[in-house]
Each structure stands twice: as structure tokens, then as C-alpha cells.
Amino acid sequence: MSGDDMSDPVPQLDPVHAEIHHFPRLVAQRGWGKRGWPLPTRPESQPTRHRPGLDPRIRASSATMLRPMSVSNATRIRLALLSGNRCAMPSCHRLLSKLRGDDVVLVGEAAHIAGQHGGGARGRPSARFDPTLTREQQNSLTNLLYVCRNCHAEIDAHPHGEREYSVQRLLAIKADHESAVATAMEEAMASVSFRELEEATQWVTEVPPPPPGQDFSRIPIEDKIRKHGLSVSSQNLISTRLTATRQVRSFVQALSQDDSAFPDRLISGFLEHYYKLRKDGTSSGEDLFNSMCMFARRGFLDFKTQYAAETVLVYLFETCEVFEQ
């Protein structure tokens, strides 16, 4: 990406609420980032141990986790984004999202670091149960680890799982993994090219043109952020992705030379999914934004393509009313 591509002014977000996540950086030690994410050590064909009462076919029209628990679907989607759609366990890192039709299905699980049940009528207490935590704290992002079904069973197994995976160890695994994902995405910012943008928008070729007269007018991005009540984390994501939107603009203009309907079909494709989310009951601006980010990523393996996909979404967020309320 050239220096010119980074020259567009970035909207000034509220400095009082500026939030920077400080995670330990282990990218160089683990070989992540510039050299690419390590391939999963467990093949997809490996048999999965199914637990009673869990149907692996469960899914919804929006990004969905397969394990129904007390953790909200919005929190699970945010957790999956922070984890790069991969299992956080160092020996695994299996990709945990799949594209089925137009739906992104999350096949990972939100594992509690400190368990949520104290036993009693439920039987044995959950692994690492902490009676001092409230239900809200138990189900918050800070107490959740995004893992595959096998790794979830391993860390919660009685009694060795609790002995081998203490709260402190799982918190360290979470911090290391989410830090590595954030670093890989930051490194992708400097190297996203037309190739990644083309891969991230290939699905648009199957989107029909929007109806004539549809209004894609723009409102100021600061007003849009306030209108949707986006969190500081989402504001930071928008701010960083905006630095690459000039590259997206050039890409869209280049493709429109051969396909004049491409820009409108790109908008229409995202709008269609947005309206689907609204119809399915997603109303919070923050939840809508995270779900749209997951839709944009579409289960891509490469972090450069994931970054390119989010940049396309933010480009549309800035230039037209993709997020209508």
C-alpha cells in the first residue's frame, strides 16, 4: 500500500474514551504475523466427541455459536472476532467458522475460564468455579476463551483438566492468543493489496443489482457512530480501517470500469445481510456492527483477507448508509 493510500484524514474520535488494548506480544516467538498463521494441528476430519443434548446442526441466519449457553450470542460473536475465528489453545488454533450459503456459522465454543456453576442440584461444580464472581462477570469477555469442542472438553475435564488448566494459565493463554491476532491484523494493514480485496469481495459477483432509485446517501461518520452507540473498541476498529479506505476506493473504481454495477451490488450485498440481521431481532448498533464484521470476514483463513474484508465494510460505513436505523 503506498503512502498516498494512507493520507486520507481519519475522523477524530472522542479522545476521552480512547481505548488501547495492551496485550503481551508473542508474535515473533510463535512465528505468527508476517510469516503467516500456523496451520491447525488438528485436521477437520478428526472425530468430535458429542455431548448429550448438543446438536451440531444448530445454527441461525446470522453468525451463531453451536453451544447454547448463558453467554449472549452478541458476546460470542465479539469473542470469536477477538480470537480471529480460531481456537485459542496453543496446540490447536483450528479455524472455527464456516460459510454456509450467505451465513457465517461459528463452530467454536465460549469456554468459561472461571466456571459458572457451584454444584448443588447440578452435581459437580464447574471447573475453576469462583463463588465471588457475579453472573455478569462469569459471562463477560474477560472470563471467556474461544475454543473448539475438543479443547473445551479437555480444559474442563475432571479432575485433570482443572489441575492442568488453572485460571491463571487460561488467562495467559487468552491474552497471548488475542494479542497475536491483534498483531497479525495490524501487520496486515501495511500489506493489503488488490488481490486480498478481490478475494474479500468475490461473493459480490452473485449479488443482483439493487432496485432503481435506492438511496445510498451518506451521513457524517461521527453522527453514524453516535447514532448506533458503538463501543470504543468498534470506534478504534473503524479508525484503523479508515486508513486503508483509499485503497478500497481505488479498487472499487477499477472494478467498476468493467462492471459498472459493482459498487451498487457491493452495497446491496451488505445491506441485504444487515436487513436480515434486523429481521432476526438484532437491534443493538454494537451487535449489528460485530455481526456485520463477522459476515464480512466470511470464514477467511488469511488475516490479510480478513483485514481487507473489514476495510471494505468500514469503507461502506463511511461512504454510504449501509447501517440504517
C-alpha atoms as a PDB file:
ATOM      1  CA  MET A   1       0.000   0.000   0.000  1.00  0.00           C
ATOM      2  CA  SER A   2       1.521   3.342  -0.997  1.00  0.00           C
ATOM      3  CA  GLY A   3       1.937   6.355   1.226  1.00  0.00           C
ATOM      4  CA  ASP A   4      -0.839   8.104  -0.695  1.00  0.00           C
ATOM      5  CA  ASP A   5      -3.207   5.339   0.277  1.00  0.00           C
ATOM      6  CA  MET A   6      -2.762   6.268   3.909  1.00  0.00           C
ATOM      7  CA  SER A   7      -3.150  10.038   3.514  1.00  0.00           C
ATOM      8  CA  ASP A   8      -6.900  10.495   3.877  1.00  0.00           C
ATOM      9  CA  PRO A   9      -7.795  12.232   7.156  1.00  0.00           C
ATOM     10  CA  VAL A  10      -9.128   9.974   9.855  1.00  0.00           C
ATOM     11  CA  PRO A  11     -12.125  11.244  11.847  1.00  0.00           C
ATOM     12  CA  GLN A  12     -11.180  12.344  15.346  1.00  0.00           C
ATOM     13  CA  LEU A  13     -12.932  10.048  17.783  1.00  0.00           C
ATOM     14  CA  ASP A  14     -13.562  11.138  21.347  1.00  0.00           C
ATOM     15  CA  PRO A  15     -10.061  11.199  22.947  1.00  0.00           C
ATOM     16  CA  VAL A  16     -11.532  10.889  26.427  1.00  0.00           C
ATOM     17  CA  HIS A  17     -12.762   7.411  25.503  1.00  0.00           C
ATOM     18  CA  ALA A  18      -9.678   6.332  23.549  1.00  0.00           C
ATOM     19  CA  GLU A  19      -9.081   2.697  24.428  1.00  0.00           C
ATOM     20  CA  ILE A  20      -5.929   0.779  23.628  1.00  0.00           C
ATOM     21  CA  HIS A  21      -5.687  -2.921  24.389  1.00  0.00           C
ATOM     22  CA  HIS A  22      -2.266  -3.741  25.790  1.00  0.00           C
ATOM     23  CA  PHE A  23      -1.540  -7.435  25.289  1.00  0.00           C
ATOM     24  CA  PRO A  24       1.834  -9.195  25.528  1.00  0.00           C
ATOM     25  CA  ARG A  25       3.322  -9.563  22.061  1.00  0.00           C
ATOM     26  CA  LEU A  26       4.445 -13.119  21.300  1.00  0.00           C
ATOM     27  CA  VAL A  27       4.223 -12.962  17.546  1.00  0.00           C
ATOM     28  CA  ALA A  28       7.956 -13.222  16.947  1.00  0.00           C
ATOM     29  CA  GLN A  29       8.280 -16.166  19.326  1.00  0.00           C
ATOM     30  CA  ARG A  30       5.322 -18.045  17.870  1.00  0.00           C
ATOM     31  CA  GLY A  31       6.077 -17.326  14.209  1.00  0.00           C
ATOM     32  CA  TRP A  32       2.748 -15.582  13.650  1.00  0.00           C
ATOM     33  CA  GLY A  33       2.027 -12.413  11.692  1.00  0.00           C
ATOM     34  CA  LYS A  34       4.382 -11.734   8.813  1.00  0.00           C
ATOM     35  CA  ARG A  35       5.277 -15.370   8.362  1.00  0.00           C
ATOM     36  CA  GLY A  36       1.655 -16.391   8.430  1.00  0.00           C
ATOM     37  CA  TRP A  37      -0.569 -18.078  10.978  1.00  0.00           C
ATOM     38  CA  PRO A  38       0.415 -21.680  11.754  1.00  0.00           C
ATOM     39  CA  LEU A  39      -1.856 -24.250  10.200  1.00  0.00           C
ATOM     40  CA  PRO A  40      -4.214 -26.081  12.564  1.00  0.00           C
ATOM     41  CA  THR A  41      -2.590 -29.091  14.130  1.00  0.00           C
ATOM     42  CA  ARG A  42      -5.888 -30.983  14.272  1.00  0.00           C
ATOM     43  CA  PRO A  43      -7.485 -31.832  10.937  1.00  0.00           C
ATOM     44  CA  GLU A  44     -11.140 -31.025  10.343  1.00  0.00           C
ATOM     45  CA  SER A  45     -11.804 -34.706   9.761  1.00  0.00           C
ATOM     46  CA  GLN A  46     -10.856 -35.635  13.326  1.00  0.00           C
ATOM     47  CA  PRO A  47     -13.893 -37.137  15.099  1.00  0.00           C
ATOM     48  CA  THR A  48     -15.568 -34.832  17.593  1.00  0.00           C
ATOM     49  CA  ARG A  49     -16.872 -36.025  20.913  1.00  0.00           C
ATOM     50  CA  HIS A  50     -20.527 -35.027  21.075  1.00  0.00           C
ATOM     51  CA  ARG A  51     -22.115 -34.253  24.403  1.00  0.00           C
ATOM     52  CA  PRO A  52     -25.686 -35.187  25.278  1.00  0.00           C
ATOM     53  CA  GLY A  53     -28.196 -32.521  24.406  1.00  0.00           C
ATOM     54  CA  LEU A  54     -25.987 -30.691  21.907  1.00  0.00           C
ATOM     55  CA  ASP A  55     -26.982 -30.803  18.254  1.00  0.00           C
ATOM     56  CA  PRO A  56     -24.079 -29.826  15.956  1.00  0.00           C
ATOM     57  CA  ARG A  57     -26.605 -28.840  13.301  1.00  0.00           C
ATOM     58  CA  ILE A  58     -27.958 -25.937  15.353  1.00  0.00           C
ATOM     59  CA  ARG A  59     -27.496 -22.663  13.500  1.00  0.00           C
ATOM     60  CA  ALA A  60     -29.236 -19.337  12.855  1.00  0.00           C
ATOM     61  CA  SER A  61     -29.404 -16.938   9.950  1.00  0.00           C
ATOM     62  CA  SER A  62     -26.761 -14.700  11.500  1.00  0.00           C
ATOM     63  CA  ALA A  63     -23.332 -15.638  12.865  1.00  0.00           C
ATOM     64  CA  THR A  64     -24.094 -18.271  15.502  1.00  0.00           C
ATOM     65  CA  MET A  65     -22.313 -20.425  18.056  1.00  0.00           C
ATOM     66  CA  LEU A  66     -23.214 -24.091  18.244  1.00  0.00           C
ATOM     67  CA  ARG A  67     -23.161 -24.370  22.045  1.00  0.00           C
ATOM     68  CA  PRO A  68     -26.271 -22.816  23.648  1.00  0.00           C
ATOM     69  CA  MET A  69     -25.187 -21.369  26.997  1.00  0.00           C
ATOM     70  CA  SER A  70     -25.881 -18.359  29.202  1.00  0.00           C
ATOM     71  CA  VAL A  71     -23.361 -16.291  27.226  1.00  0.00           C
ATOM     72  CA  SER A  72     -25.212 -13.984  24.825  1.00  0.00           C
ATOM     73  CA  ASN A  73     -24.857 -14.531  21.095  1.00  0.00           C
ATOM     74  CA  ALA A  74     -23.517 -10.977  20.736  1.00  0.00           C
ATOM     75  CA  THR A  75     -20.751 -11.711  23.265  1.00  0.00           C
ATOM     76  CA  ARG A  76     -19.851 -14.947  21.463  1.00  0.00           C
ATOM     77  CA  ILE A  77     -19.534 -13.149  18.141  1.00  0.00           C
ATOM     78  CA  ARG A  78     -17.291 -10.495  19.696  1.00  0.00           C
ATOM     79  CA  LEU A  79     -15.203 -13.218  21.351  1.00  0.00           C
ATOM     80  CA  ALA A  80     -14.776 -15.016  18.011  1.00  0.00           C
ATOM     81  CA  LEU A  81     -13.654 -11.777  16.345  1.00  0.00           C
ATOM     82  CA  LEU A  82     -11.050 -11.153  19.051  1.00  0.00           C
ATOM     83  CA  SER A  83      -9.843 -14.736  18.623  1.00  0.00           C
ATOM     84  CA  GLY A  84      -9.527 -14.455  14.850  1.00  0.00           C
ATOM     85  CA  ASN A  85     -12.146 -17.204  14.387  1.00  0.00           C
ATOM     86  CA  ARG A  86      -9.606 -19.699  15.747  1.00  0.00           C
ATOM     87  CA  CYS A  87      -9.273 -21.917  18.762  1.00  0.00           C
ATOM     88  CA  ALA A  88      -7.179 -20.086  21.347  1.00  0.00           C
ATOM     89  CA  MET A  89      -5.375 -23.186  22.651  1.00  0.00           C
ATOM     90  CA  PRO A  90      -1.681 -23.104  21.641  1.00  0.00           C
ATOM     91  CA  SER A  91      -1.652 -26.710  20.407  1.00  0.00           C
ATOM     92  CA  CYS A  92      -4.735 -26.279  18.228  1.00  0.00           C
ATOM     93  CA  HIS A  93      -5.601 -22.939  16.530  1.00  0.00           C
ATOM     94  CA  ARG A  94      -8.205 -24.686  14.385  1.00  0.00           C
ATOM     95  CA  LEU A  95     -10.351 -22.406  12.218  1.00  0.00           C
ATOM     96  CA  LEU A  96     -13.778 -22.225  13.865  1.00  0.00           C
ATOM     97  CA  SER A  97     -16.051 -20.531  11.355  1.00  0.00           C
ATOM     98  CA  LYS A  98     -17.613 -21.791   8.145  1.00  0.00           C
ATOM     99  CA  LEU A  99     -19.600 -20.166   5.383  1.00  0.00           C
ATOM    100  CA  ARG A 100     -22.862 -21.928   4.554  1.00  0.00           C
ATOM    101  CA  GLY A 101     -24.713 -20.077   1.854  1.00  0.00           C
ATOM    102  CA  ASP A 102     -24.795 -16.460   2.993  1.00  0.00           C
ATOM    103  CA  ASP A 103     -24.474 -17.358   6.685  1.00  0.00           C
ATOM    104  CA  VAL A 104     -21.305 -17.459   8.758  1.00  0.00           C
ATOM    105  CA  VAL A 105     -21.621 -20.343  11.211  1.00  0.00           C
ATOM    106  CA  LEU A 106     -19.319 -20.286  14.237  1.00  0.00           C
ATOM    107  CA  VAL A 107     -18.443 -23.802  15.338  1.00  0.00           C
ATOM    108  CA  GLY A 108     -16.360 -22.751  18.340  1.00  0.00           C
ATOM    109  CA  GLU A 109     -17.420 -22.573  21.980  1.00  0.00           C
ATOM    110  CA  ALA A 110     -17.242 -19.848  24.617  1.00  0.00           C
ATOM    111  CA  ALA A 111     -15.455 -21.633  27.460  1.00  0.00           C
ATOM    112  CA  HIS A 112     -15.626 -20.154  30.955  1.00  0.00           C
ATOM    113  CA  ILE A 113     -12.213 -19.560  32.479  1.00  0.00           C
ATOM    114  CA  ALA A 114     -13.711 -19.414  35.970  1.00  0.00           C
ATOM    115  CA  GLY A 115     -16.608 -21.876  35.947  1.00  0.00           C
ATOM    116  CA  GLN A 116     -20.202 -20.705  36.297  1.00  0.00           C
ATOM    117  CA  HIS A 117     -21.834 -23.434  38.413  1.00  0.00           C
ATOM    118  CA  GLY A 118     -21.142 -24.233  42.034  1.00  0.00           C
ATOM    119  CA  GLY A 119     -22.572 -27.714  42.085  1.00  0.00           C
ATOM    120  CA  GLY A 120     -25.506 -28.445  44.396  1.00  0.00           C
ATOM    121  CA  ALA A 121     -28.514 -29.684  42.437  1.00  0.00           C
ATOM    122  CA  ARG A 122     -26.403 -29.516  39.274  1.00  0.00           C
ATOM    123  CA  GLY A 123     -23.949 -32.054  40.640  1.00  0.00           C
ATOM    124  CA  ARG A 124     -20.193 -31.483  40.488  1.00  0.00           C
ATOM    125  CA  PRO A 125     -19.085 -27.801  40.446  1.00  0.00           C
ATOM    126  CA  SER A 126     -17.834 -26.391  37.149  1.00  0.00           C
ATOM    127  CA  ALA A 127     -14.086 -26.416  36.638  1.00  0.00           C
ATOM    128  CA  ARG A 128     -12.397 -23.460  38.345  1.00  0.00           C
ATOM    129  CA  PHE A 129     -15.676 -22.228  39.874  1.00  0.00           C
ATOM    130  CA  ASP A 130     -15.265 -18.876  41.642  1.00  0.00           C
ATOM    131  CA  PRO A 131     -18.169 -18.043  44.002  1.00  0.00           C
ATOM    132  CA  THR A 132     -17.091 -14.388  44.215  1.00  0.00           C
ATOM    133  CA  LEU A 133     -17.990 -13.672  40.583  1.00  0.00           C
ATOM    134  CA  THR A 134     -21.401 -12.361  39.636  1.00  0.00           C
ATOM    135  CA  ARG A 135     -23.309 -13.924  36.735  1.00  0.00           C
ATOM    136  CA  GLU A 136     -22.450 -10.882  34.618  1.00  0.00           C
ATOM    137  CA  GLN A 137     -18.737 -11.290  35.405  1.00  0.00           C
ATOM    138  CA  GLN A 138     -18.870 -15.017  34.655  1.00  0.00           C
ATOM    139  CA  ASN A 139     -20.297 -14.364  31.193  1.00  0.00           C
ATOM    140  CA  SER A 140     -18.162 -11.344  30.321  1.00  0.00           C
ATOM    141  CA  LEU A 141     -15.498 -11.348  27.606  1.00  0.00           C
ATOM    142  CA  THR A 142     -12.717 -11.238  30.204  1.00  0.00           C
ATOM    143  CA  ASN A 143     -13.802 -14.637  31.588  1.00  0.00           C
ATOM    144  CA  LEU A 144     -14.342 -16.371  28.240  1.00  0.00           C
ATOM    145  CA  LEU A 145     -11.982 -18.280  25.973  1.00  0.00           C
ATOM    146  CA  TYR A 146     -12.874 -19.129  22.366  1.00  0.00           C
ATOM    147  CA  VAL A 147     -12.033 -22.810  21.797  1.00  0.00           C
ATOM    148  CA  CYS A 148     -13.038 -25.817  19.756  1.00  0.00           C
ATOM    149  CA  ARG A 149     -15.248 -28.523  21.257  1.00  0.00           C
ATOM    150  CA  ASN A 150     -12.339 -30.914  21.882  1.00  0.00           C
ATOM    151  CA  CYS A 151     -10.213 -28.313  23.679  1.00  0.00           C
ATOM    152  CA  HIS A 152     -13.225 -27.231  25.734  1.00  0.00           C
ATOM    153  CA  ALA A 153     -13.715 -30.790  26.923  1.00  0.00           C
ATOM    154  CA  GLU A 154     -10.001 -31.059  27.710  1.00  0.00           C
ATOM    155  CA  ILE A 155      -9.734 -27.953  29.908  1.00  0.00           C
ATOM    156  CA  ASP A 156     -12.963 -28.768  31.792  1.00  0.00           C
ATOM    157  CA  ALA A 157     -12.311 -32.492  32.269  1.00  0.00           C
ATOM    158  CA  HIS A 158     -12.475 -33.798  35.838  1.00  0.00           C
ATOM    159  CA  PRO A 159     -10.110 -33.907  37.605  1.00  0.00           C
ATOM    160  CA  HIS A 160      -7.026 -33.396  35.409  1.00  0.00           C
ATOM    161  CA  GLY A 161      -8.435 -30.511  33.330  1.00  0.00           C
ATOM    162  CA  GLU A 162      -8.857 -28.274  36.340  1.00  0.00           C
ATOM    163  CA  ARG A 163      -5.434 -29.252  37.704  1.00  0.00           C
ATOM    164  CA  GLU A 164      -3.599 -28.614  34.427  1.00  0.00           C
ATOM    165  CA  TYR A 165      -5.518 -25.504  33.371  1.00  0.00           C
ATOM    166  CA  SER A 166      -5.767 -23.058  36.244  1.00  0.00           C
ATOM    167  CA  VAL A 167      -7.493 -19.696  35.931  1.00  0.00           C
ATOM    168  CA  GLN A 168      -4.093 -18.009  35.695  1.00  0.00           C
ATOM    169  CA  ARG A 169      -2.928 -20.302  32.913  1.00  0.00           C
ATOM    170  CA  LEU A 170      -6.100 -19.860  30.855  1.00  0.00           C
ATOM    171  CA  LEU A 171      -5.991 -16.073  31.296  1.00  0.00           C
ATOM    172  CA  ALA A 172      -2.423 -16.128  29.976  1.00  0.00           C
ATOM    173  CA  ILE A 173      -3.474 -18.293  27.005  1.00  0.00           C
ATOM    174  CA  LYS A 174      -6.313 -15.865  26.244  1.00  0.00           C
ATOM    175  CA  ALA A 175      -4.072 -12.791  26.445  1.00  0.00           C
ATOM    176  CA  ASP A 176      -1.336 -14.356  24.309  1.00  0.00           C
ATOM    177  CA  HIS A 177      -3.729 -15.548  21.628  1.00  0.00           C
ATOM    178  CA  GLU A 178      -5.807 -12.376  21.340  1.00  0.00           C
ATOM    179  CA  SER A 179      -2.603 -10.308  21.336  1.00  0.00           C
ATOM    180  CA  ALA A 180      -1.207 -12.375  18.467  1.00  0.00           C
ATOM    181  CA  VAL A 181      -4.445 -11.960  16.496  1.00  0.00           C
ATOM    182  CA  ALA A 182      -4.422  -8.187  17.038  1.00  0.00           C
ATOM    183  CA  THR A 183      -0.772  -8.002  15.951  1.00  0.00           C
ATOM    184  CA  ALA A 184      -1.414 -10.085  12.837  1.00  0.00           C
ATOM    185  CA  MET A 185      -4.274  -7.763  11.876  1.00  0.00           C
ATOM    186  CA  GLU A 186      -2.086  -4.701  12.461  1.00  0.00           C
ATOM    187  CA  GLU A 187       0.638  -6.143  10.240  1.00  0.00           C
ATOM    188  CA  ALA A 188      -1.935  -6.881   7.556  1.00  0.00           C
ATOM    189  CA  MET A 189      -2.754  -3.166   7.372  1.00  0.00           C
ATOM    190  CA  ALA A 190       0.563  -2.393   5.676  1.00  0.00           C
ATOM    191  CA  SER A 191       0.336  -5.103   3.026  1.00  0.00           C
ATOM    192  CA  VAL A 192      -3.284  -5.375   1.869  1.00  0.00           C
ATOM    193  CA  SER A 193      -3.407  -5.255  -1.933  1.00  0.00           C
ATOM    194  CA  PHE A 194      -5.987  -5.538  -4.698  1.00  0.00           C
ATOM    195  CA  ARG A 195      -5.544  -9.311  -4.529  1.00  0.00           C
ATOM    196  CA  GLU A 196      -6.894  -9.513  -0.959  1.00  0.00           C
ATOM    197  CA  LEU A 197      -9.650  -7.010  -1.732  1.00  0.00           C
ATOM    198  CA  GLU A 198     -10.694  -9.048  -4.754  1.00  0.00           C
ATOM    199  CA  GLU A 199     -10.805 -12.228  -2.670  1.00  0.00           C
ATOM    200  CA  ALA A 200     -12.767 -10.461   0.079  1.00  0.00           C
ATOM    201  CA  THR A 201     -15.415  -9.254  -2.401  1.00  0.00           C
ATOM    202  CA  GLN A 202     -15.620 -12.243  -4.739  1.00  0.00           C
ATOM    203  CA  TRP A 203     -19.054 -13.095  -3.347  1.00  0.00           C
ATOM    204  CA  VAL A 204     -20.425  -9.808  -4.724  1.00  0.00           C
ATOM    205  CA  THR A 205     -20.465 -11.257  -8.258  1.00  0.00           C
ATOM    206  CA  GLU A 206     -23.540 -13.290  -7.246  1.00  0.00           C
ATOM    207  CA  VAL A 207     -25.443 -10.334  -5.773  1.00  0.00           C
ATOM    208  CA  PRO A 208     -28.179  -8.905  -8.022  1.00  0.00           C
ATOM    209  CA  PRO A 209     -28.177  -5.138  -8.660  1.00  0.00           C
ATOM    210  CA  PRO A 210     -30.291  -3.072  -6.218  1.00  0.00           C
ATOM    211  CA  PRO A 211     -33.691  -1.753  -7.339  1.00  0.00           C
ATOM    212  CA  PRO A 212     -33.628   1.576  -9.213  1.00  0.00           C
ATOM    213  CA  GLY A 213     -33.831   4.671  -7.067  1.00  0.00           C
ATOM    214  CA  GLN A 214     -32.489   3.122  -3.858  1.00  0.00           C
ATOM    215  CA  ASP A 215     -30.934   5.852  -1.705  1.00  0.00           C
ATOM    216  CA  PHE A 216     -27.348   5.210  -0.605  1.00  0.00           C
ATOM    217  CA  SER A 217     -26.786   8.733   0.698  1.00  0.00           C
ATOM    218  CA  ARG A 218     -24.104   9.471   3.235  1.00  0.00           C
ATOM    219  CA  ILE A 219     -24.283  10.966   6.711  1.00  0.00           C
ATOM    220  CA  PRO A 220     -21.186  12.139   8.667  1.00  0.00           C
ATOM    221  CA  ILE A 221     -19.349   9.190  10.182  1.00  0.00           C
ATOM    222  CA  GLU A 222     -19.215  10.793  13.639  1.00  0.00           C
ATOM    223  CA  ASP A 223     -23.002  11.087  13.614  1.00  0.00           C
ATOM    224  CA  LYS A 224     -23.304   7.489  12.460  1.00  0.00           C
ATOM    225  CA  ILE A 225     -21.088   6.253  15.296  1.00  0.00           C
ATOM    226  CA  ARG A 226     -23.184   8.142  17.864  1.00  0.00           C
ATOM    227  CA  LYS A 227     -26.421   7.053  16.226  1.00  0.00           C
ATOM    228  CA  HIS A 228     -25.509   3.395  16.599  1.00  0.00           C
ATOM    229  CA  GLY A 229     -23.947   3.737  20.059  1.00  0.00           C
ATOM    230  CA  LEU A 230     -20.750   1.963  19.003  1.00  0.00           C
ATOM    231  CA  SER A 231     -18.270   0.979  21.707  1.00  0.00           C
ATOM    232  CA  VAL A 232     -14.761   2.360  21.968  1.00  0.00           C
ATOM    233  CA  SER A 233     -13.408  -0.932  20.607  1.00  0.00           C
ATOM    234  CA  SER A 234     -15.585  -0.627  17.499  1.00  0.00           C
ATOM    235  CA  GLN A 235     -14.613   3.030  17.113  1.00  0.00           C
ATOM    236  CA  ASN A 236     -10.944   2.042  17.228  1.00  0.00           C
ATOM    237  CA  LEU A 237     -11.525  -0.637  14.590  1.00  0.00           C
ATOM    238  CA  ILE A 238     -13.242   1.917  12.346  1.00  0.00           C
ATOM    239  CA  SER A 239     -10.440   4.432  12.897  1.00  0.00           C
ATOM    240  CA  THR A 240      -7.682   1.975  11.939  1.00  0.00           C
ATOM    241  CA  ARG A 241      -9.548   0.571   8.941  1.00  0.00           C
ATOM    242  CA  LEU A 242     -10.272   4.065   7.639  1.00  0.00           C
ATOM    243  CA  THR A 243      -6.551   4.487   6.978  1.00  0.00           C
ATOM    244  CA  ALA A 244      -6.884   1.934   4.159  1.00  0.00           C
ATOM    245  CA  THR A 245     -10.196   3.012   2.638  1.00  0.00           C
ATOM    246  CA  ARG A 246      -8.473   4.978  -0.120  1.00  0.00           C
ATOM    247  CA  GLN A 247      -7.113   1.661  -1.348  1.00  0.00           C
ATOM    248  CA  VAL A 248     -10.650   0.265  -1.313  1.00  0.00           C
ATOM    249  CA  ARG A 249     -11.938   3.294  -3.203  1.00  0.00           C
ATOM    250  CA  SER A 250      -9.320   2.786  -5.928  1.00  0.00           C
ATOM    251  CA  PHE A 251     -10.189  -0.916  -6.073  1.00  0.00           C
ATOM    252  CA  VAL A 252     -13.929  -0.244  -6.435  1.00  0.00           C
ATOM    253  CA  GLN A 253     -13.281   2.327  -9.146  1.00  0.00           C
ATOM    254  CA  ALA A 254     -11.029  -0.104 -11.019  1.00  0.00           C
ATOM    255  CA  LEU A 255     -13.607  -2.907 -10.960  1.00  0.00           C
ATOM    256  CA  SER A 256     -16.402  -0.568 -11.985  1.00  0.00           C
ATOM    257  CA  GLN A 257     -14.588   0.052 -15.276  1.00  0.00           C
ATOM    258  CA  ASP A 258     -15.517  -3.481 -16.361  1.00  0.00           C
ATOM    259  CA  ASP A 259     -18.625  -3.874 -14.209  1.00  0.00           C
ATOM    260  CA  SER A 260     -20.473  -0.585 -13.767  1.00  0.00           C
ATOM    261  CA  ALA A 261     -22.953  -2.195 -11.354  1.00  0.00           C
ATOM    262  CA  PHE A 262     -20.236  -3.493  -8.997  1.00  0.00           C
ATOM    263  CA  PRO A 263     -20.343  -0.563  -6.495  1.00  0.00           C
ATOM    264  CA  ASP A 264     -24.123  -0.781  -6.092  1.00  0.00           C
ATOM    265  CA  ARG A 265     -24.061  -4.579  -5.863  1.00  0.00           C
ATOM    266  CA  LEU A 266     -21.376  -4.355  -3.180  1.00  0.00           C
ATOM    267  CA  ILE A 267     -23.564  -2.009  -1.136  1.00  0.00           C
ATOM    268  CA  SER A 268     -26.671  -4.072  -1.815  1.00  0.00           C
ATOM    269  CA  GLY A 269     -24.972  -7.292  -0.649  1.00  0.00           C
ATOM    270  CA  PHE A 270     -24.071  -5.819   2.734  1.00  0.00           C
ATOM    271  CA  LEU A 271     -27.445  -4.116   3.101  1.00  0.00           C
ATOM    272  CA  GLU A 272     -29.270  -7.368   2.437  1.00  0.00           C
ATOM    273  CA  HIS A 273     -27.439  -9.058   5.311  1.00  0.00           C
ATOM    274  CA  TYR A 274     -27.953  -6.028   7.549  1.00  0.00           C
ATOM    275  CA  TYR A 275     -31.717  -6.140   6.995  1.00  0.00           C
ATOM    276  CA  LYS A 276     -31.650  -9.884   7.635  1.00  0.00           C
ATOM    277  CA  LEU A 277     -29.988  -9.298  10.998  1.00  0.00           C
ATOM    278  CA  ARG A 278     -32.595  -6.695  11.885  1.00  0.00           C
ATOM    279  CA  LYS A 279     -35.401  -9.025  10.864  1.00  0.00           C
ATOM    280  CA  ASP A 280     -33.919 -11.788  13.034  1.00  0.00           C
ATOM    281  CA  GLY A 281     -34.094  -9.495  16.063  1.00  0.00           C
ATOM    282  CA  THR A 282     -30.629  -7.918  16.281  1.00  0.00           C
ATOM    283  CA  SER A 283     -31.300  -4.303  17.265  1.00  0.00           C
ATOM    284  CA  SER A 284     -28.246  -3.024  19.161  1.00  0.00           C
ATOM    285  CA  GLY A 285     -25.924  -0.974  16.950  1.00  0.00           C
ATOM    286  CA  GLU A 286     -22.890  -2.609  18.560  1.00  0.00           C
ATOM    287  CA  ASP A 287     -24.232  -6.122  17.995  1.00  0.00           C
ATOM    288  CA  LEU A 288     -25.118  -5.263  14.404  1.00  0.00           C
ATOM    289  CA  PHE A 289     -21.628  -3.908  13.767  1.00  0.00           C
ATOM    290  CA  ASN A 290     -19.908  -7.012  15.187  1.00  0.00           C
ATOM    291  CA  SER A 291     -22.227  -9.310  13.221  1.00  0.00           C
ATOM    292  CA  MET A 292     -21.502  -7.366  10.044  1.00  0.00           C
ATOM    293  CA  CYS A 293     -17.755  -7.663  10.703  1.00  0.00           C
ATOM    294  CA  MET A 294     -18.163 -11.424  11.030  1.00  0.00           C
ATOM    295  CA  PHE A 295     -20.209 -11.501   7.813  1.00  0.00           C
ATOM    296  CA  ALA A 296     -17.507  -9.503   6.022  1.00  0.00           C
ATOM    297  CA  ARG A 297     -14.779 -11.918   7.156  1.00  0.00           C
ATOM    298  CA  ARG A 298     -16.822 -14.828   5.758  1.00  0.00           C
ATOM    299  CA  GLY A 299     -14.628 -17.500   7.335  1.00  0.00           C
ATOM    300  CA  PHE A 300     -11.452 -16.353   5.541  1.00  0.00           C
ATOM    301  CA  LEU A 301      -8.319 -18.135   6.707  1.00  0.00           C
ATOM    302  CA  ASP A 302      -5.748 -15.445   5.930  1.00  0.00           C
ATOM    303  CA  PHE A 303      -5.551 -12.406   8.202  1.00  0.00           C
ATOM    304  CA  LYS A 304      -4.750 -10.098   5.289  1.00  0.00           C
ATOM    305  CA  THR A 305      -8.027 -11.095   3.654  1.00  0.00           C
ATOM    306  CA  GLN A 306      -9.890 -10.703   6.952  1.00  0.00           C
ATOM    307  CA  TYR A 307      -8.440  -7.205   7.317  1.00  0.00           C
ATOM    308  CA  ALA A 308      -9.303  -6.379   3.699  1.00  0.00           C
ATOM    309  CA  ALA A 309     -12.887  -7.549   4.273  1.00  0.00           C
ATOM    310  CA  GLU A 310     -13.308  -5.367   7.357  1.00  0.00           C
ATOM    311  CA  THR A 311     -11.819  -2.415   5.475  1.00  0.00           C
ATOM    312  CA  VAL A 312     -14.428  -2.837   2.738  1.00  0.00           C
ATOM    313  CA  LEU A 313     -17.154  -2.802   5.390  1.00  0.00           C
ATOM    314  CA  VAL A 314     -15.745   0.343   7.033  1.00  0.00           C
ATOM    315  CA  TYR A 315     -15.390   1.982   3.608  1.00  0.00           C
ATOM    316  CA  LEU A 316     -19.118   1.441   3.075  1.00  0.00           C
ATOM    317  CA  PHE A 317     -19.868   2.544   6.634  1.00  0.00           C
ATOM    318  CA  GLU A 318     -18.088   5.815   5.832  1.00  0.00           C
ATOM    319  CA  THR A 319     -19.318   6.460   2.293  1.00  0.00           C
ATOM    320  CA  CYS A 320     -22.986   5.430   2.376  1.00  0.00           C
ATOM    321  CA  GLU A 321     -25.839   4.429   4.675  1.00  0.00           C
ATOM    322  CA  VAL A 322     -25.070   0.732   4.942  1.00  0.00           C
ATOM    323  CA  PHE A 323     -26.099   0.849   8.596  1.00  0.00           C
ATOM    324  CA  GLU A 324     -29.653   2.175   8.549  1.00  0.00           C
ATOM    325  CA  GLN A 325     -31.672   2.537  11.762  1.00  0.00           C
END
